[in-house]
Amino acid sequence: PVLFTLYSQPLSDVISDHDCDHHKYADNTELSKG
């Protein structure tokens, strides 16, 4: 599980580049835009 979270880290970079807030829990990701 820890290796997967490290593997999926670039997903956060992609989301941040599109100016979205997000939070991740394992393989679940929440995107929000206000």
PDB file of all heavy atoms in Angstrom:
ATOM      1  N   PRO A   1       0.806  -1.230   0.000  1.00  0.00           N
ATOM      2  CA  PRO A   1       0.000   0.000   0.000  1.00  0.00           C
ATOM      3  C   PRO A   1       0.835   1.274   0.000  1.00  0.00           C
ATOM      4  O   PRO A   1       0.492   2.244  -0.674  1.00  0.00           O
ATOM      5  CB  PRO A   1      -0.822  -0.133   1.293  1.00  0.00           C
ATOM      6  CG  PRO A   1      -0.910  -1.594   1.533  1.00  0.00           C
ATOM      7  CD  PRO A   1       0.411  -2.138   1.098  1.00  0.00           C
ATOM      8  N   VAL A   2       1.929   1.292   0.760  1.00  0.00           N
ATOM      9  CA  VAL A   2       2.780   2.481   0.816  1.00  0.00           C
ATOM     10  C   VAL A   2       3.484   2.694  -0.520  1.00  0.00           C
ATOM     11  O   VAL A   2       3.594   3.825  -1.004  1.00  0.00           O
ATOM     12  CB  VAL A   2       3.815   2.354   1.955  1.00  0.00           C
ATOM     13  CG1 VAL A   2       4.772   3.543   1.941  1.00  0.00           C
ATOM     14  CG2 VAL A   2       3.104   2.262   3.301  1.00  0.00           C
ATOM     15  N   LEU A   3       3.927   1.618  -1.139  1.00  0.00           N
ATOM     16  CA  LEU A   3       4.572   1.741  -2.447  1.00  0.00           C
ATOM     17  C   LEU A   3       3.592   2.295  -3.478  1.00  0.00           C
ATOM     18  O   LEU A   3       3.976   3.067  -4.360  1.00  0.00           O
ATOM     19  CB  LEU A   3       5.113   0.384  -2.907  1.00  0.00           C
ATOM     20  CG  LEU A   3       6.288  -0.180  -2.099  1.00  0.00           C
ATOM     21  CD1 LEU A   3       6.694  -1.547  -2.630  1.00  0.00           C
ATOM     22  CD2 LEU A   3       7.480   0.781  -2.132  1.00  0.00           C
ATOM     23  N   PHE A   4       2.323   1.909  -3.375  1.00  0.00           N
ATOM     24  CA  PHE A   4       1.339   2.440  -4.321  1.00  0.00           C
ATOM     25  C   PHE A   4       1.155   3.942  -4.136  1.00  0.00           C
ATOM     26  O   PHE A   4       1.046   4.680  -5.130  1.00  0.00           O
ATOM     27  CB  PHE A   4      -0.010   1.735  -4.150  1.00  0.00           C
ATOM     28  CG  PHE A   4      -1.086   2.339  -5.010  1.00  0.00           C
ATOM     29  CD1 PHE A   4      -1.190   2.003  -6.350  1.00  0.00           C
ATOM     30  CD2 PHE A   4      -1.978   3.265  -4.487  1.00  0.00           C
ATOM     31  CE1 PHE A   4      -2.163   2.578  -7.159  1.00  0.00           C
ATOM     32  CE2 PHE A   4      -2.945   3.845  -5.281  1.00  0.00           C
ATOM     33  CZ  PHE A   4      -3.050   3.503  -6.621  1.00  0.00           C
ATOM     34  N   THR A   5       1.125   4.426  -2.901  1.00  0.00           N
ATOM     35  CA  THR A   5       0.948   5.866  -2.684  1.00  0.00           C
ATOM     36  C   THR A   5       2.132   6.649  -3.245  1.00  0.00           C
ATOM     37  O   THR A   5       1.963   7.754  -3.768  1.00  0.00           O
ATOM     38  CB  THR A   5       0.779   6.185  -1.194  1.00  0.00           C
ATOM     39  OG1 THR A   5       1.950   5.785  -0.466  1.00  0.00           O
ATOM     40  CG2 THR A   5      -0.437   5.469  -0.606  1.00  0.00           C
ATOM     41  N   LEU A   6       3.338   6.083  -3.154  1.00  0.00           N
ATOM     42  CA  LEU A   6       4.509   6.745  -3.729  1.00  0.00           C
ATOM     43  C   LEU A   6       4.447   6.710  -5.255  1.00  0.00           C
ATOM     44  O   LEU A   6       4.817   7.677  -5.931  1.00  0.00           O
ATOM     45  CB  LEU A   6       5.793   6.069  -3.241  1.00  0.00           C
ATOM     46  CG  LEU A   6       6.020   6.050  -1.728  1.00  0.00           C
ATOM     47  CD1 LEU A   6       7.342   5.362  -1.399  1.00  0.00           C
ATOM     48  CD2 LEU A   6       5.998   7.449  -1.138  1.00  0.00           C
ATOM     49  N   TYR A   7       3.976   5.607  -5.787  1.00  0.00           N
ATOM     50  CA  TYR A   7       3.859   5.442  -7.233  1.00  0.00           C
ATOM     51  C   TYR A   7       2.866   6.439  -7.834  1.00  0.00           C
ATOM     52  O   TYR A   7       3.080   6.957  -8.943  1.00  0.00           O
ATOM     53  CB  TYR A   7       3.409   4.010  -7.518  1.00  0.00           C
ATOM     54  CG  TYR A   7       3.179   3.672  -8.968  1.00  0.00           C
ATOM     55  CD1 TYR A   7       4.240   3.385  -9.822  1.00  0.00           C
ATOM     56  CD2 TYR A   7       1.883   3.604  -9.481  1.00  0.00           C
ATOM     57  CE1 TYR A   7       4.027   3.048 -11.148  1.00  0.00           C
ATOM     58  CE2 TYR A   7       1.657   3.269 -10.805  1.00  0.00           C
ATOM     59  CZ  TYR A   7       2.736   2.980 -11.636  1.00  0.00           C
ATOM     60  OH  TYR A   7       2.512   2.644 -12.953  1.00  0.00           O
ATOM     61  N   SER A   8       1.787   6.713  -7.109  1.00  0.00           N
ATOM     62  CA  SER A   8       0.719   7.563  -7.641  1.00  0.00           C
ATOM     63  C   SER A   8       0.915   9.044  -7.324  1.00  0.00           C
ATOM     64  O   SER A   8       0.037   9.857  -7.622  1.00  0.00           O
ATOM     65  CB  SER A   8      -0.636   7.106  -7.084  1.00  0.00           C
ATOM     66  OG  SER A   8      -0.669   7.222  -5.669  1.00  0.00           O
ATOM     67  N   GLN A   9       2.043   9.416  -6.740  1.00  0.00           N
ATOM     68  CA  GLN A   9       2.292  10.809  -6.357  1.00  0.00           C
ATOM     69  C   GLN A   9       2.161  11.796  -7.516  1.00  0.00           C
ATOM     70  O   GLN A   9       1.616  12.895  -7.345  1.00  0.00           O
ATOM     71  CB  GLN A   9       3.672  10.917  -5.715  1.00  0.00           C
ATOM     72  CG  GLN A   9       3.985  12.278  -5.098  1.00  0.00           C
ATOM     73  CD  GLN A   9       4.525  13.268  -6.113  1.00  0.00           C
ATOM     74  OE1 GLN A   9       5.086  12.860  -7.127  1.00  0.00           O
ATOM     75  NE2 GLN A   9       4.343  14.561  -5.849  1.00  0.00           N
ATOM     76  N   PRO A  10       2.618  11.480  -8.754  1.00  0.00           N
ATOM     77  CA  PRO A  10       2.493  12.444  -9.846  1.00  0.00           C
ATOM     78  C   PRO A  10       1.057  12.876 -10.138  1.00  0.00           C
ATOM     79  O   PRO A  10       0.845  13.935 -10.741  1.00  0.00           O
ATOM     80  CB  PRO A  10       3.096  11.686 -11.042  1.00  0.00           C
ATOM     81  CG  PRO A  10       4.087  10.758 -10.422  1.00  0.00           C
ATOM     82  CD  PRO A  10       3.424  10.312  -9.154  1.00  0.00           C
ATOM     83  N   LEU A  11       0.086  12.062  -9.733  1.00  0.00           N
ATOM     84  CA  LEU A  11      -1.315  12.455  -9.922  1.00  0.00           C
ATOM     85  C   LEU A  11      -1.603  13.779  -9.220  1.00  0.00           C
ATOM     86  O   LEU A  11      -2.340  14.629  -9.741  1.00  0.00           O
ATOM     87  CB  LEU A  11      -2.245  11.364  -9.390  1.00  0.00           C
ATOM     88  CG  LEU A  11      -3.755  11.645  -9.461  1.00  0.00           C
ATOM     89  CD1 LEU A  11      -4.198  11.862 -10.901  1.00  0.00           C
ATOM     90  CD2 LEU A  11      -4.530  10.494  -8.834  1.00  0.00           C
ATOM     91  N   SER A  12      -1.004  13.979  -8.048  1.00  0.00           N
ATOM     92  CA  SER A  12      -1.188  15.238  -7.312  1.00  0.00           C
ATOM     93  C   SER A  12      -0.617  16.416  -8.082  1.00  0.00           C
ATOM     94  O   SER A  12      -1.198  17.508  -8.082  1.00  0.00           O
ATOM     95  CB  SER A  12      -0.516  15.141  -5.933  1.00  0.00           C
ATOM     96  OG  SER A  12      -1.131  14.162  -5.139  1.00  0.00           O
ATOM     97  N   ASP A  13       0.519  16.197  -8.748  1.00  0.00           N
ATOM     98  CA  ASP A  13       1.125  17.274  -9.540  1.00  0.00           C
ATOM     99  C   ASP A  13       0.221  17.678 -10.707  1.00  0.00           C
ATOM    100  O   ASP A  13       0.065  18.864 -11.002  1.00  0.00           O
ATOM    101  CB  ASP A  13       2.492  16.834 -10.068  1.00  0.00           C
ATOM    102  CG  ASP A  13       3.484  16.543  -8.953  1.00  0.00           C
ATOM    103  OD1 ASP A  13       3.314  17.127  -7.858  1.00  0.00           O
ATOM    104  OD2 ASP A  13       4.401  15.736  -9.166  1.00  0.00           O
ATOM    105  N   VAL A  14      -0.382  16.680 -11.353  1.00  0.00           N
ATOM    106  CA  VAL A  14      -1.275  16.959 -12.475  1.00  0.00           C
ATOM    107  C   VAL A  14      -2.492  17.748 -12.006  1.00  0.00           C
ATOM    108  O   VAL A  14      -2.908  18.722 -12.631  1.00  0.00           O
ATOM    109  CB  VAL A  14      -1.717  15.645 -13.154  1.00  0.00           C
ATOM    110  CG1 VAL A  14      -2.775  15.923 -14.223  1.00  0.00           C
ATOM    111  CG2 VAL A  14      -0.524  14.923 -13.759  1.00  0.00           C
ATOM    112  N   ILE A  15      -3.053  17.333 -10.882  1.00  0.00           N
ATOM    113  CA  ILE A  15      -4.236  18.015 -10.346  1.00  0.00           C
ATOM    114  C   ILE A  15      -3.900  19.447  -9.967  1.00  0.00           C
ATOM    115  O   ILE A  15      -4.651  20.391 -10.257  1.00  0.00           O
ATOM    116  CB  ILE A  15      -4.790  17.246  -9.128  1.00  0.00           C
ATOM    117  CG1 ILE A  15      -5.285  15.867  -9.555  1.00  0.00           C
ATOM    118  CG2 ILE A  15      -5.917  18.032  -8.462  1.00  0.00           C
ATOM    119  CD1 ILE A  15      -5.660  14.963  -8.408  1.00  0.00           C
ATOM    120  N   SER A  16      -2.768  19.642  -9.308  1.00  0.00           N
ATOM    121  CA  SER A  16      -2.360  20.987  -8.882  1.00  0.00           C
ATOM    122  C   SER A  16      -2.127  21.899 -10.083  1.00  0.00           C
ATOM    123  O   SER A  16      -2.422  23.099 -10.028  1.00  0.00           O
ATOM    124  CB  SER A  16      -1.087  20.901  -8.035  1.00  0.00           C
ATOM    125  OG  SER A  16      -1.305  20.155  -6.861  1.00  0.00           O
ATOM    126  N   ASP A  17      -1.615  21.339 -11.171  1.00  0.00           N
ATOM    127  CA  ASP A  17      -1.387  22.142 -12.372  1.00  0.00           C
ATOM    128  C   ASP A  17      -2.683  22.685 -12.960  1.00  0.00           C
ATOM    129  O   ASP A  17      -2.669  23.677 -13.699  1.00  0.00           O
ATOM    130  CB  ASP A  17      -0.655  21.308 -13.434  1.00  0.00           C
ATOM    131  CG  ASP A  17       0.804  21.059 -13.061  1.00  0.00           C
ATOM    132  OD1 ASP A  17       1.315  21.786 -12.194  1.00  0.00           O
ATOM    133  OD2 ASP A  17       1.404  20.128 -13.628  1.00  0.00           O
ATOM    134  N   HIS A  18      -3.807  22.041 -12.625  1.00  0.00           N
ATOM    135  CA  HIS A  18      -5.106  22.486 -13.132  1.00  0.00           C
ATOM    136  C   HIS A  18      -5.884  23.271 -12.072  1.00  0.00           C
ATOM    137  O   HIS A  18      -7.100  23.443 -12.179  1.00  0.00           O
ATOM    138  CB  HIS A  18      -5.922  21.279 -13.603  1.00  0.00           C
ATOM    139  CG  HIS A  18      -5.405  20.671 -14.873  1.00  0.00           C
ATOM    140  ND1 HIS A  18      -4.301  19.844 -14.894  1.00  0.00           N
ATOM    141  CD2 HIS A  18      -5.807  20.800 -16.168  1.00  0.00           C
ATOM    142  CE1 HIS A  18      -4.062  19.461 -16.153  1.00  0.00           C
ATOM    143  NE2 HIS A  18      -4.966  20.032 -16.934  1.00  0.00           N
ATOM    144  N   ASP A  19      -5.154  23.727 -11.054  1.00  0.00           N
ATOM    145  CA  ASP A  19      -5.738  24.630 -10.049  1.00  0.00           C
ATOM    146  C   ASP A  19      -6.962  24.040  -9.366  1.00  0.00           C
ATOM    147  O   ASP A  19      -8.000  24.707  -9.204  1.00  0.00           O
ATOM    148  CB  ASP A  19      -6.090  25.977 -10.693  1.00  0.00           C
ATOM    149  CG  ASP A  19      -6.334  27.068  -9.645  1.00  0.00           C
ATOM    150  OD1 ASP A  19      -5.764  26.944  -8.549  1.00  0.00           O
ATOM    151  OD2 ASP A  19      -7.091  28.010  -9.935  1.00  0.00           O
ATOM    152  N   CYS A  20      -6.861  22.783  -8.965  1.00  0.00           N
ATOM    153  CA  CYS A  20      -7.946  22.122  -8.220  1.00  0.00           C
ATOM    154  C   CYS A  20      -7.434  21.717  -6.836  1.00  0.00           C
ATOM    155  O   CYS A  20      -6.271  21.328  -6.690  1.00  0.00           O
ATOM    156  CB  CYS A  20      -8.431  20.873  -8.954  1.00  0.00           C
ATOM    157  SG  CYS A  20      -9.502  21.185 -10.350  1.00  0.00           S
ATOM    158  N   ASP A  21      -8.305  21.828  -5.857  1.00  0.00           N
ATOM    159  CA  ASP A  21      -7.988  21.273  -4.546  1.00  0.00           C
ATOM    160  C   ASP A  21      -8.240  19.768  -4.597  1.00  0.00           C
ATOM    161  O   ASP A  21      -9.110  19.285  -5.335  1.00  0.00           O
ATOM    162  CB  ASP A  21      -8.867  21.910  -3.470  1.00  0.00           C
ATOM    163  CG  ASP A  21      -8.574  23.394  -3.293  1.00  0.00           C
ATOM    164  OD1 ASP A  21      -7.407  23.775  -3.446  1.00  0.00           O
ATOM    165  OD2 ASP A  21      -9.521  24.151  -3.013  1.00  0.00           O
ATOM    166  N   HIS A  22      -7.496  19.025  -3.809  1.00  0.00           N
ATOM    167  CA  HIS A  22      -7.719  17.582  -3.811  1.00  0.00           C
ATOM    168  C   HIS A  22      -7.230  16.963  -2.506  1.00  0.00           C
ATOM    169  O   HIS A  22      -6.464  17.575  -1.751  1.00  0.00           O
ATOM    170  CB  HIS A  22      -6.975  16.932  -4.985  1.00  0.00           C
ATOM    171  CG  HIS A  22      -5.485  16.901  -4.808  1.00  0.00           C
ATOM    172  ND1 HIS A  22      -4.680  18.014  -4.978  1.00  0.00           N
ATOM    173  CD2 HIS A  22      -4.644  15.879  -4.472  1.00  0.00           C
ATOM    174  CE1 HIS A  22      -3.426  17.692  -4.770  1.00  0.00           C
ATOM    175  NE2 HIS A  22      -3.370  16.404  -4.454  1.00  0.00           N
ATOM    176  N   HIS A  23      -7.692  15.767  -2.270  1.00  0.00           N
ATOM    177  CA  HIS A  23      -7.192  14.980  -1.148  1.00  0.00           C
ATOM    178  C   HIS A  23      -7.263  13.511  -1.554  1.00  0.00           C
ATOM    179  O   HIS A  23      -8.226  13.075  -2.186  1.00  0.00           O
ATOM    180  CB  HIS A  23      -8.010  15.206   0.127  1.00  0.00           C
ATOM    181  CG  HIS A  23      -7.247  14.833   1.357  1.00  0.00           C
ATOM    182  ND1 HIS A  23      -6.499  15.743   2.089  1.00  0.00           N
ATOM    183  CD2 HIS A  23      -7.068  13.636   1.975  1.00  0.00           C
ATOM    184  CE1 HIS A  23      -5.923  15.133   3.105  1.00  0.00           C
ATOM    185  NE2 HIS A  23      -6.248  13.847   3.054  1.00  0.00           N
ATOM    186  N   LYS A  24      -6.209  12.764  -1.203  1.00  0.00           N
ATOM    187  CA  LYS A  24      -6.111  11.365  -1.615  1.00  0.00           C
ATOM    188  C   LYS A  24      -6.142  10.447  -0.398  1.00  0.00           C
ATOM    189  O   LYS A  24      -5.602  10.764   0.655  1.00  0.00           O
ATOM    190  CB  LYS A  24      -4.818  11.140  -2.410  1.00  0.00           C
ATOM    191  CG  LYS A  24      -4.767  11.899  -3.723  1.00  0.00           C
ATOM    192  CD  LYS A  24      -3.351  12.012  -4.257  1.00  0.00           C
ATOM    193  CE  LYS A  24      -2.758  10.677  -4.599  1.00  0.00           C
ATOM    194  NZ  LYS A  24      -1.378  10.813  -5.147  1.00  0.00           N
ATOM    195  N   TYR A  25      -6.785   9.310  -0.597  1.00  0.00           N
ATOM    196  CA  TYR A  25      -6.741   8.248   0.410  1.00  0.00           C
ATOM    197  C   TYR A  25      -6.579   6.933  -0.340  1.00  0.00           C
ATOM    198  O   TYR A  25      -7.528   6.446  -0.969  1.00  0.00           O
ATOM    199  CB  TYR A  25      -8.002   8.214   1.272  1.00  0.00           C
ATOM    200  CG  TYR A  25      -7.868   7.265   2.445  1.00  0.00           C
ATOM    201  CD1 TYR A  25      -7.383   7.719   3.672  1.00  0.00           C
ATOM    202  CD2 TYR A  25      -8.160   5.916   2.314  1.00  0.00           C
ATOM    203  CE1 TYR A  25      -7.224   6.847   4.735  1.00  0.00           C
ATOM    204  CE2 TYR A  25      -7.996   5.040   3.361  1.00  0.00           C
ATOM    205  CZ  TYR A  25      -7.526   5.512   4.568  1.00  0.00           C
ATOM    206  OH  TYR A  25      -7.353   4.643   5.617  1.00  0.00           O
ATOM    207  N   ALA A  26      -5.364   6.390  -0.292  1.00  0.00           N
ATOM    208  CA  ALA A  26      -5.039   5.174  -1.046  1.00  0.00           C
ATOM    209  C   ALA A  26      -5.337   5.402  -2.524  1.00  0.00           C
ATOM    210  O   ALA A  26      -4.784   6.316  -3.133  1.00  0.00           O
ATOM    211  CB  ALA A  26      -5.800   3.979  -0.476  1.00  0.00           C
ATOM    212  N   ASP A  27      -6.247   4.599  -3.117  1.00  0.00           N
ATOM    213  CA  ASP A  27      -6.551   4.752  -4.538  1.00  0.00           C
ATOM    214  C   ASP A  27      -7.797   5.608  -4.778  1.00  0.00           C
ATOM    215  O   ASP A  27      -8.321   5.641  -5.894  1.00  0.00           O
ATOM    216  CB  ASP A  27      -6.733   3.383  -5.192  1.00  0.00           C
ATOM    217  CG  ASP A  27      -7.821   2.556  -4.514  1.00  0.00           C
ATOM    218  OD1 ASP A  27      -8.216   2.917  -3.388  1.00  0.00           O
ATOM    219  OD2 ASP A  27      -8.267   1.562  -5.111  1.00  0.00           O
ATOM    220  N   ASN A  28      -8.255   6.306  -3.752  1.00  0.00           N
ATOM    221  CA  ASN A  28      -9.401   7.209  -3.879  1.00  0.00           C
ATOM    222  C   ASN A  28      -8.910   8.664  -3.850  1.00  0.00           C
ATOM    223  O   ASN A  28      -8.096   9.029  -3.005  1.00  0.00           O
ATOM    224  CB  ASN A  28     -10.409   6.990  -2.746  1.00  0.00           C
ATOM    225  CG  ASN A  28     -10.991   5.594  -2.772  1.00  0.00           C
ATOM    226  OD1 ASN A  28     -11.841   5.290  -3.603  1.00  0.00           O
ATOM    227  ND2 ASN A  28     -10.523   4.731  -1.880  1.00  0.00           N
ATOM    228  N   THR A  29      -9.413   9.460  -4.779  1.00  0.00           N
ATOM    229  CA  THR A  29      -9.012  10.855  -4.872  1.00  0.00           C
ATOM    230  C   THR A  29     -10.246  11.745  -4.943  1.00  0.00           C
ATOM    231  O   THR A  29     -11.178  11.465  -5.702  1.00  0.00           O
ATOM    232  CB  THR A  29      -8.143  11.107  -6.113  1.00  0.00           C
ATOM    233  OG1 THR A  29      -7.010  10.229  -6.085  1.00  0.00           O
ATOM    234  CG2 THR A  29      -7.652  12.559  -6.150  1.00  0.00           C
ATOM    235  N   GLU A  30     -10.244  12.807  -4.149  1.00  0.00           N
ATOM    236  CA  GLU A  30     -11.344  13.786  -4.146  1.00  0.00           C
ATOM    237  C   GLU A  30     -10.861  15.056  -4.773  1.00  0.00           C
ATOM    238  O   GLU A  30      -9.820  15.613  -4.386  1.00  0.00           O
ATOM    239  CB  GLU A  30     -11.824  14.050  -2.721  1.00  0.00           C
ATOM    240  CG  GLU A  30     -12.878  15.123  -2.576  1.00  0.00           C
ATOM    241  CD  GLU A  30     -12.262  16.526  -2.389  1.00  0.00           C
ATOM    242  OE1 GLU A  30     -11.090  16.585  -1.982  1.00  0.00           O
ATOM    243  OE2 GLU A  30     -12.976  17.500  -2.643  1.00  0.00           O
ATOM    244  N   LEU A  31     -11.551  15.522  -5.805  1.00  0.00           N
ATOM    245  CA  LEU A  31     -11.242  16.801  -6.463  1.00  0.00           C
ATOM    246  C   LEU A  31     -12.334  17.789  -6.129  1.00  0.00           C
ATOM    247  O   LEU A  31     -13.511  17.455  -6.134  1.00  0.00           O
ATOM    248  CB  LEU A  31     -11.187  16.626  -7.979  1.00  0.00           C
ATOM    249  CG  LEU A  31     -10.288  15.525  -8.560  1.00  0.00           C
ATOM    250  CD1 LEU A  31     -10.415  15.505 -10.068  1.00  0.00           C
ATOM    251  CD2 LEU A  31      -8.857  15.748  -8.153  1.00  0.00           C
ATOM    252  N   SER A  32     -11.955  19.024  -5.827  1.00  0.00           N
ATOM    253  CA  SER A  32     -12.961  20.043  -5.527  1.00  0.00           C
ATOM    254  C   SER A  32     -12.519  21.378  -6.116  1.00  0.00           C
ATOM    255  O   SER A  32     -11.328  21.679  -6.197  1.00  0.00           O
ATOM    256  CB  SER A  32     -13.167  20.183  -4.018  1.00  0.00           C
ATOM    257  OG  SER A  32     -11.960  20.560  -3.370  1.00  0.00           O
ATOM    258  N   LYS A  33     -13.502  22.139  -6.530  1.00  0.00           N
ATOM    259  CA  LYS A  33     -13.262  23.449  -7.114  1.00  0.00           C
ATOM    260  C   LYS A  33     -14.337  24.386  -6.618  1.00  0.00           C
ATOM    261  O   LYS A  33     -15.525  24.151  -6.793  1.00  0.00           O
ATOM    262  CB  LYS A  33     -13.292  23.356  -8.642  1.00  0.00           C
ATOM    263  CG  LYS A  33     -13.004  24.670  -9.363  1.00  0.00           C
ATOM    264  CD  LYS A  33     -11.535  25.049  -9.266  1.00  0.00           C
ATOM    265  CE  LYS A  33     -11.228  26.259 -10.126  1.00  0.00           C
ATOM    266  NZ  LYS A  33      -9.825  26.679 -10.042  1.00  0.00           N
ATOM    267  N   GLY A  34     -13.905  25.479  -5.955  1.00  0.00           N
ATOM    268  CA  GLY A  34     -14.868  26.429  -5.421  1.00  0.00           C
ATOM    269  C   GLY A  34     -14.977  27.679  -6.262  1.00  0.00           C
ATOM    270  O   GLY A  34     -14.057  28.041  -6.961  1.00  0.00           O
TER     271      GLY A  34
END
